[in-house]
Amino acid sequence: MKIEIKLSGVFRIDRFAREVRDYPDGTRVQDVVNDLALPEQLLGIVVINDHHATVEHRLQDGDCLMLLPLLGGG
């Protein structure tokens, strides 16, 4: 199945901003995070098709997955 992945902030460093990738049926957001070697401690927000989701969400063909890091400040 094809999943559009959008990365934001520090997740783009040495990666991409937007890409379509193939994953097997039953793939969860966590599987994509692992595949991209994203630092889990920085993962802030998961959005699928413009709706908040969790890393346990199972993706469907054609989904648009956006991964945003935690925001720092102070």
PDB file of N, CA and C in Angstrom:
ATOM      1  N   MET A   1       0.841  -1.180   0.000  1.00  0.00           N
ATOM      2  CA  MET A   1       0.000   0.000   0.000  1.00  0.00           C
ATOM      3  C   MET A   1       0.882   1.237   0.000  1.00  0.00           C
ATOM      4  N   LYS A   2       0.389   2.294  -0.573  1.00  0.00           N
ATOM      5  CA  LYS A   2       1.152   3.541  -0.675  1.00  0.00           C
ATOM      6  C   LYS A   2       0.708   4.509   0.422  1.00  0.00           C
ATOM      7  N   ILE A   3       1.707   5.050   1.129  1.00  0.00           N
ATOM      8  CA  ILE A   3       1.477   6.005   2.200  1.00  0.00           C
ATOM      9  C   ILE A   3       2.270   7.263   1.895  1.00  0.00           C
ATOM     10  N   GLU A   4       1.607   8.413   1.928  1.00  0.00           N
ATOM     11  CA  GLU A   4       2.313   9.681   1.780  1.00  0.00           C
ATOM     12  C   GLU A   4       2.786  10.103   3.167  1.00  0.00           C
ATOM     13  N   ILE A   5       4.072  10.364   3.289  1.00  0.00           N
ATOM     14  CA  ILE A   5       4.653  10.745   4.570  1.00  0.00           C
ATOM     15  C   ILE A   5       5.157  12.174   4.470  1.00  0.00           C
ATOM     16  N   LYS A   6       4.766  12.990   5.445  1.00  0.00           N
ATOM     17  CA  LYS A   6       5.246  14.363   5.533  1.00  0.00           C
ATOM     18  C   LYS A   6       5.983  14.517   6.853  1.00  0.00           C
ATOM     19  N   LEU A   7       7.210  14.991   6.779  1.00  0.00           N
ATOM     20  CA  LEU A   7       8.020  15.217   7.968  1.00  0.00           C
ATOM     21  C   LEU A   7       8.165  16.708   8.211  1.00  0.00           C
ATOM     22  N   SER A   8       8.272  17.069   9.476  1.00  0.00           N
ATOM     23  CA  SER A   8       8.381  18.469   9.840  1.00  0.00           C
ATOM     24  C   SER A   8       9.572  18.669  10.772  1.00  0.00           C
ATOM     25  N   GLY A   9      10.073  19.901  10.803  1.00  0.00           N
ATOM     26  CA  GLY A   9      11.123  20.285  11.738  1.00  0.00           C
ATOM     27  C   GLY A   9      12.386  19.446  11.627  1.00  0.00           C
ATOM     28  N   VAL A  10      12.908  19.041  12.793  1.00  0.00           N
ATOM     29  CA  VAL A  10      14.174  18.293  12.824  1.00  0.00           C
ATOM     30  C   VAL A  10      14.075  16.933  12.150  1.00  0.00           C
ATOM     31  N   PHE A  11      12.882  16.414  11.962  1.00  0.00           N
ATOM     32  CA  PHE A  11      12.730  15.118  11.288  1.00  0.00           C
ATOM     33  C   PHE A  11      13.156  15.190   9.823  1.00  0.00           C
ATOM     34  N   ARG A  12      13.210  16.378   9.261  1.00  0.00           N
ATOM     35  CA  ARG A  12      13.620  16.551   7.860  1.00  0.00           C
ATOM     36  C   ARG A  12      15.141  16.483   7.678  1.00  0.00           C
ATOM     37  N   ILE A  13      15.894  16.647   8.744  1.00  0.00           N
ATOM     38  CA  ILE A  13      17.352  16.668   8.632  1.00  0.00           C
ATOM     39  C   ILE A  13      17.837  15.319   8.096  1.00  0.00           C
ATOM     40  N   ASP A  14      18.540  15.346   6.966  1.00  0.00           N
ATOM     41  CA  ASP A  14      19.052  14.155   6.288  1.00  0.00           C
ATOM     42  C   ASP A  14      17.954  13.201   5.835  1.00  0.00           C
ATOM     43  N   ARG A  15      16.715  13.714   5.712  1.00  0.00           N
ATOM     44  CA  ARG A  15      15.625  12.884   5.241  1.00  0.00           C
ATOM     45  C   ARG A  15      14.920  13.624   4.094  1.00  0.00           C
ATOM     46  N   PHE A  16      13.650  13.811   4.210  1.00  0.00           N
ATOM     47  CA  PHE A  16      12.832  14.432   3.168  1.00  0.00           C
ATOM     48  C   PHE A  16      11.710  15.219   3.830  1.00  0.00           C
ATOM     49  N   ALA A  17      11.080  16.085   3.063  1.00  0.00           N
ATOM     50  CA  ALA A  17       9.920  16.826   3.565  1.00  0.00           C
ATOM     51  C   ALA A  17       8.633  16.068   3.267  1.00  0.00           C
ATOM     52  N   ARG A  18       8.588  15.451   2.077  1.00  0.00           N
ATOM     53  CA  ARG A  18       7.376  14.746   1.644  1.00  0.00           C
ATOM     54  C   ARG A  18       7.785  13.631   0.703  1.00  0.00           C
ATOM     55  N   GLU A  19       7.214  12.442   0.917  1.00  0.00           N
ATOM     56  CA  GLU A  19       7.570  11.293   0.079  1.00  0.00           C
ATOM     57  C   GLU A  19       6.446  10.265   0.144  1.00  0.00           C
ATOM     58  N   VAL A  20       6.246   9.536  -0.947  1.00  0.00           N
ATOM     59  CA  VAL A  20       5.297   8.430  -0.970  1.00  0.00           C
ATOM     60  C   VAL A  20       6.114   7.151  -0.898  1.00  0.00           C
ATOM     61  N   ARG A  21       5.737   6.274   0.056  1.00  0.00           N
ATOM     62  CA  ARG A  21       6.457   5.014   0.246  1.00  0.00           C
ATOM     63  C   ARG A  21       5.484   3.854   0.254  1.00  0.00           C
ATOM     64  N   ASP A  22       6.006   2.691  -0.106  1.00  0.00           N
ATOM     65  CA  ASP A  22       5.221   1.454  -0.064  1.00  0.00           C
ATOM     66  C   ASP A  22       5.436   0.737   1.256  1.00  0.00           C
ATOM     67  N   TYR A  23       4.342   0.290   1.870  1.00  0.00           N
ATOM     68  CA  TYR A  23       4.390  -0.493   3.098  1.00  0.00           C
ATOM     69  C   TYR A  23       3.398  -1.642   2.982  1.00  0.00           C
ATOM     70  N   PRO A  24       3.644  -2.738   3.694  1.00  0.00           N
ATOM     71  CA  PRO A  24       2.710  -3.859   3.647  1.00  0.00           C
ATOM     72  C   PRO A  24       1.419  -3.561   4.417  1.00  0.00           C
ATOM     73  N   ASP A  25       0.367  -4.278   4.070  1.00  0.00           N
ATOM     74  CA  ASP A  25      -0.895  -4.144   4.804  1.00  0.00           C
ATOM     75  C   ASP A  25      -0.645  -4.406   6.281  1.00  0.00           C
ATOM     76  N   GLY A  26      -1.344  -3.686   7.130  1.00  0.00           N
ATOM     77  CA  GLY A  26      -1.209  -3.858   8.572  1.00  0.00           C
ATOM     78  C   GLY A  26      -0.133  -3.004   9.205  1.00  0.00           C
ATOM     79  N   THR A  27       0.537  -2.182   8.399  1.00  0.00           N
ATOM     80  CA  THR A  27       1.590  -1.316   8.933  1.00  0.00           C
ATOM     81  C   THR A  27       1.000  -0.290   9.889  1.00  0.00           C
ATOM     82  N   ARG A  28       1.651  -0.134  11.041  1.00  0.00           N
ATOM     83  CA  ARG A  28       1.255   0.870  12.029  1.00  0.00           C
ATOM     84  C   ARG A  28       2.162   2.090  11.889  1.00  0.00           C
ATOM     85  N   VAL A  29       1.737   3.194  12.469  1.00  0.00           N
ATOM     86  CA  VAL A  29       2.566   4.403  12.475  1.00  0.00           C
ATOM     87  C   VAL A  29       3.916   4.085  13.108  1.00  0.00           C
ATOM     88  N   GLN A  30       3.930   3.309  14.185  1.00  0.00           N
ATOM     89  CA  GLN A  30       5.179   2.950  14.862  1.00  0.00           C
ATOM     90  C   GLN A  30       6.151   2.262  13.905  1.00  0.00           C
ATOM     91  N   ASP A  31       5.631   1.449  13.006  1.00  0.00           N
ATOM     92  CA  ASP A  31       6.485   0.772  12.019  1.00  0.00           C
ATOM     93  C   ASP A  31       7.157   1.785  11.104  1.00  0.00           C
ATOM     94  N   VAL A  32       6.435   2.817  10.723  1.00  0.00           N
ATOM     95  CA  VAL A  32       7.003   3.865   9.864  1.00  0.00           C
ATOM     96  C   VAL A  32       8.050   4.661  10.640  1.00  0.00           C
ATOM     97  N   VAL A  33       7.755   4.996  11.879  1.00  0.00           N
ATOM     98  CA  VAL A  33       8.721   5.714  12.724  1.00  0.00           C
ATOM     99  C   VAL A  33      10.012   4.902  12.831  1.00  0.00           C
ATOM    100  N   ASN A  34       9.877   3.598  13.051  1.00  0.00           N
ATOM    101  CA  ASN A  34      11.056   2.725  13.131  1.00  0.00           C
ATOM    102  C   ASN A  34      11.798   2.666  11.802  1.00  0.00           C
ATOM    103  N   ASP A  35      11.056   2.528  10.716  1.00  0.00           N
ATOM    104  CA  ASP A  35      11.655   2.442   9.380  1.00  0.00           C
ATOM    105  C   ASP A  35      12.477   3.688   9.058  1.00  0.00           C
ATOM    106  N   LEU A  36      11.990   4.845   9.481  1.00  0.00           N
ATOM    107  CA  LEU A  36      12.674   6.106   9.206  1.00  0.00           C
ATOM    108  C   LEU A  36      13.740   6.438  10.249  1.00  0.00           C
ATOM    109  N   ALA A  37      13.851   5.597  11.273  1.00  0.00           N
ATOM    110  CA  ALA A  37      14.812   5.801  12.365  1.00  0.00           C
ATOM    111  C   ALA A  37      14.642   7.173  13.015  1.00  0.00           C
ATOM    112  N   LEU A  38      13.383   7.552  13.237  1.00  0.00           N
ATOM    113  CA  LEU A  38      13.097   8.824  13.906  1.00  0.00           C
ATOM    114  C   LEU A  38      13.274   8.640  15.408  1.00  0.00           C
ATOM    115  N   PRO A  39      13.871   9.606  16.081  1.00  0.00           N
ATOM    116  CA  PRO A  39      14.036   9.506  17.534  1.00  0.00           C
ATOM    117  C   PRO A  39      12.674   9.627  18.227  1.00  0.00           C
ATOM    118  N   GLU A  40      12.228   8.526  18.815  1.00  0.00           N
ATOM    119  CA  GLU A  40      10.888   8.491  19.416  1.00  0.00           C
ATOM    120  C   GLU A  40      10.693   9.524  20.514  1.00  0.00           C
ATOM    121  N   GLN A  41      11.769   9.854  21.236  1.00  0.00           N
ATOM    122  CA  GLN A  41      11.640  10.820  22.320  1.00  0.00           C
ATOM    123  C   GLN A  41      11.311  12.215  21.788  1.00  0.00           C
ATOM    124  N   LEU A  42      11.517  12.444  20.488  1.00  0.00           N
ATOM    125  CA  LEU A  42      11.193  13.739  19.883  1.00  0.00           C
ATOM    126  C   LEU A  42       9.825  13.771  19.206  1.00  0.00           C
ATOM    127  N   LEU A  43       9.187  12.599  19.068  1.00  0.00           N
ATOM    128  CA  LEU A  43       7.903  12.547  18.367  1.00  0.00           C
ATOM    129  C   LEU A  43       6.829  13.234  19.199  1.00  0.00           C
ATOM    130  N   GLY A  44       6.231  14.270  18.630  1.00  0.00           N
ATOM    131  CA  GLY A  44       5.228  15.036  19.354  1.00  0.00           C
ATOM    132  C   GLY A  44       3.818  14.769  18.896  1.00  0.00           C
ATOM    133  N   ILE A  45       3.565  14.934  17.604  1.00  0.00           N
ATOM    134  CA  ILE A  45       2.203  14.829  17.081  1.00  0.00           C
ATOM    135  C   ILE A  45       2.186  13.918  15.860  1.00  0.00           C
ATOM    136  N   VAL A  46       1.178  13.050  15.820  1.00  0.00           N
ATOM    137  CA  VAL A  46       0.928  12.173  14.676  1.00  0.00           C
ATOM    138  C   VAL A  46      -0.409  12.602  14.076  1.00  0.00           C
ATOM    139  N   VAL A  47      -0.405  12.886  12.776  1.00  0.00           N
ATOM    140  CA  VAL A  47      -1.633  13.291  12.087  1.00  0.00           C
ATOM    141  C   VAL A  47      -1.817  12.376  10.864  1.00  0.00           C
ATOM    142  N   ILE A  48      -3.001  11.801  10.758  1.00  0.00           N
ATOM    143  CA  ILE A  48      -3.335  10.973   9.600  1.00  0.00           C
ATOM    144  C   ILE A  48      -4.575  11.556   8.953  1.00  0.00           C
ATOM    145  N   ASN A  49      -4.426  11.933   7.698  1.00  0.00           N
ATOM    146  CA  ASN A  49      -5.549  12.505   6.941  1.00  0.00           C
ATOM    147  C   ASN A  49      -6.212  13.652   7.715  1.00  0.00           C
ATOM    148  N   ASP A  50      -5.390  14.529   8.273  1.00  0.00           N
ATOM    149  CA  ASP A  50      -5.840  15.725   8.993  1.00  0.00           C
ATOM    150  C   ASP A  50      -6.519  15.443  10.329  1.00  0.00           C
ATOM    151  N   HIS A  51      -6.289  14.247  10.914  1.00  0.00           N
ATOM    152  CA  HIS A  51      -6.846  13.898  12.219  1.00  0.00           C
ATOM    153  C   HIS A  51      -5.736  13.372  13.120  1.00  0.00           C
ATOM    154  N   HIS A  52      -5.758  13.786  14.392  1.00  0.00           N
ATOM    155  CA  HIS A  52      -4.773  13.288  15.349  1.00  0.00           C
ATOM    156  C   HIS A  52      -4.884  11.767  15.457  1.00  0.00           C
ATOM    157  N   ALA A  53      -3.750  11.119  15.649  1.00  0.00           N
ATOM    158  CA  ALA A  53      -3.710   9.670  15.777  1.00  0.00           C
ATOM    159  C   ALA A  53      -2.597   9.289  16.746  1.00  0.00           C
ATOM    160  N   THR A  54      -2.451   7.996  16.981  1.00  0.00           N
ATOM    161  CA  THR A  54      -1.388   7.494  17.847  1.00  0.00           C
ATOM    162  C   THR A  54      -0.449   6.625  17.022  1.00  0.00           C
ATOM    163  N   VAL A  55       0.670   6.249  17.622  1.00  0.00           N
ATOM    164  CA  VAL A  55       1.634   5.404  16.908  1.00  0.00           C
ATOM    165  C   VAL A  55       1.102   3.990  16.710  1.00  0.00           C
ATOM    166  N   GLU A  56       0.041   3.619  17.409  1.00  0.00           N
ATOM    167  CA  GLU A  56      -0.547   2.283  17.254  1.00  0.00           C
ATOM    168  C   GLU A  56      -1.560   2.217  16.108  1.00  0.00           C
ATOM    169  N   HIS A  57      -1.885   3.358  15.518  1.00  0.00           N
ATOM    170  CA  HIS A  57      -2.865   3.407  14.427  1.00  0.00           C
ATOM    171  C   HIS A  57      -2.372   2.600  13.230  1.00  0.00           C
ATOM    172  N   ARG A  58      -3.247   1.758  12.683  1.00  0.00           N
ATOM    173  CA  ARG A  58      -2.926   0.991  11.471  1.00  0.00           C
ATOM    174  C   ARG A  58      -3.257   1.839  10.254  1.00  0.00           C
ATOM    175  N   LEU A  59      -2.294   1.940   9.362  1.00  0.00           N
ATOM    176  CA  LEU A  59      -2.448   2.767   8.173  1.00  0.00           C
ATOM    177  C   LEU A  59      -3.208   2.027   7.083  1.00  0.00           C
ATOM    178  N   GLN A  60      -3.857   2.805   6.224  1.00  0.00           N
ATOM    179  CA  GLN A  60      -4.603   2.279   5.085  1.00  0.00           C
ATOM    180  C   GLN A  60      -3.997   2.821   3.798  1.00  0.00           C
ATOM    181  N   ASP A  61      -4.172   2.103   2.709  1.00  0.00           N
ATOM    182  CA  ASP A  61      -3.664   2.549   1.415  1.00  0.00           C
ATOM    183  C   ASP A  61      -4.167   3.956   1.119  1.00  0.00           C
ATOM    184  N   GLY A  62      -3.252   4.835   0.729  1.00  0.00           N
ATOM    185  CA  GLY A  62      -3.602   6.202   0.371  1.00  0.00           C
ATOM    186  C   GLY A  62      -3.585   7.183   1.527  1.00  0.00           C
ATOM    187  N   ASP A  63      -3.311   6.709   2.750  1.00  0.00           N
ATOM    188  CA  ASP A  63      -3.264   7.622   3.894  1.00  0.00           C
ATOM    189  C   ASP A  63      -2.141   8.638   3.740  1.00  0.00           C
ATOM    190  N   CYS A  64      -2.349   9.811   4.325  1.00  0.00           N
ATOM    191  CA  CYS A  64      -1.327  10.839   4.413  1.00  0.00           C
ATOM    192  C   CYS A  64      -0.937  10.941   5.886  1.00  0.00           C
ATOM    193  N   LEU A  65       0.303  10.580   6.190  1.00  0.00           N
ATOM    194  CA  LEU A  65       0.822  10.558   7.551  1.00  0.00           C
ATOM    195  C   LEU A  65       1.770  11.737   7.750  1.00  0.00           C
ATOM    196  N   MET A  66       1.475  12.570   8.742  1.00  0.00           N
ATOM    197  CA  MET A  66       2.337  13.690   9.068  1.00  0.00           C
ATOM    198  C   MET A  66       2.914  13.454  10.454  1.00  0.00           C
ATOM    199  N   LEU A  67       4.246  13.567  10.555  1.00  0.00           N
ATOM    200  CA  LEU A  67       4.944  13.371  11.822  1.00  0.00           C
ATOM    201  C   LEU A  67       5.609  14.672  12.219  1.00  0.00           C
ATOM    202  N   LEU A  68       5.250  15.180  13.389  1.00  0.00           N
ATOM    203  CA  LEU A  68       5.790  16.457  13.863  1.00  0.00           C
ATOM    204  C   LEU A  68       6.541  16.230  15.173  1.00  0.00           C
ATOM    205  N   PRO A  69       7.700  16.858  15.305  1.00  0.00           N
ATOM    206  CA  PRO A  69       8.470  16.723  16.540  1.00  0.00           C
ATOM    207  C   PRO A  69       7.887  17.601  17.654  1.00  0.00           C
ATOM    208  N   LEU A  70       8.315  17.289  18.883  1.00  0.00           N
ATOM    209  CA  LEU A  70       7.983  18.160  20.004  1.00  0.00           C
ATOM    210  C   LEU A  70       8.548  19.537  19.739  1.00  0.00           C
ATOM    211  N   LEU A  71       7.854  20.546  20.217  1.00  0.00           N
ATOM    212  CA  LEU A  71       8.339  21.911  20.066  1.00  0.00           C
ATOM    213  C   LEU A  71       9.055  22.326  21.337  1.00  0.00           C
ATOM    214  N   GLY A  72      10.222  22.871  21.172  1.00  0.00           N
ATOM    215  CA  GLY A  72      10.972  23.348  22.331  1.00  0.00           C
ATOM    216  C   GLY A  72      10.783  24.837  22.497  1.00  0.00           C
ATOM    217  N   GLY A  73      11.073  25.309  23.646  1.00  0.00           N
ATOM    218  CA  GLY A  73      10.952  26.740  23.880  1.00  0.00           C
ATOM    219  C   GLY A  73      11.041  27.033  25.370  1.00  0.00           C
ATOM    220  N   GLY A  74      10.895  28.275  25.671  1.00  0.00           N
ATOM    221  CA  GLY A  74      10.904  28.545  27.089  1.00  0.00           C
ATOM    222  C   GLY A  74      11.345  29.919  27.426  1.00  0.00           C
TER     223      GLY A  74
END
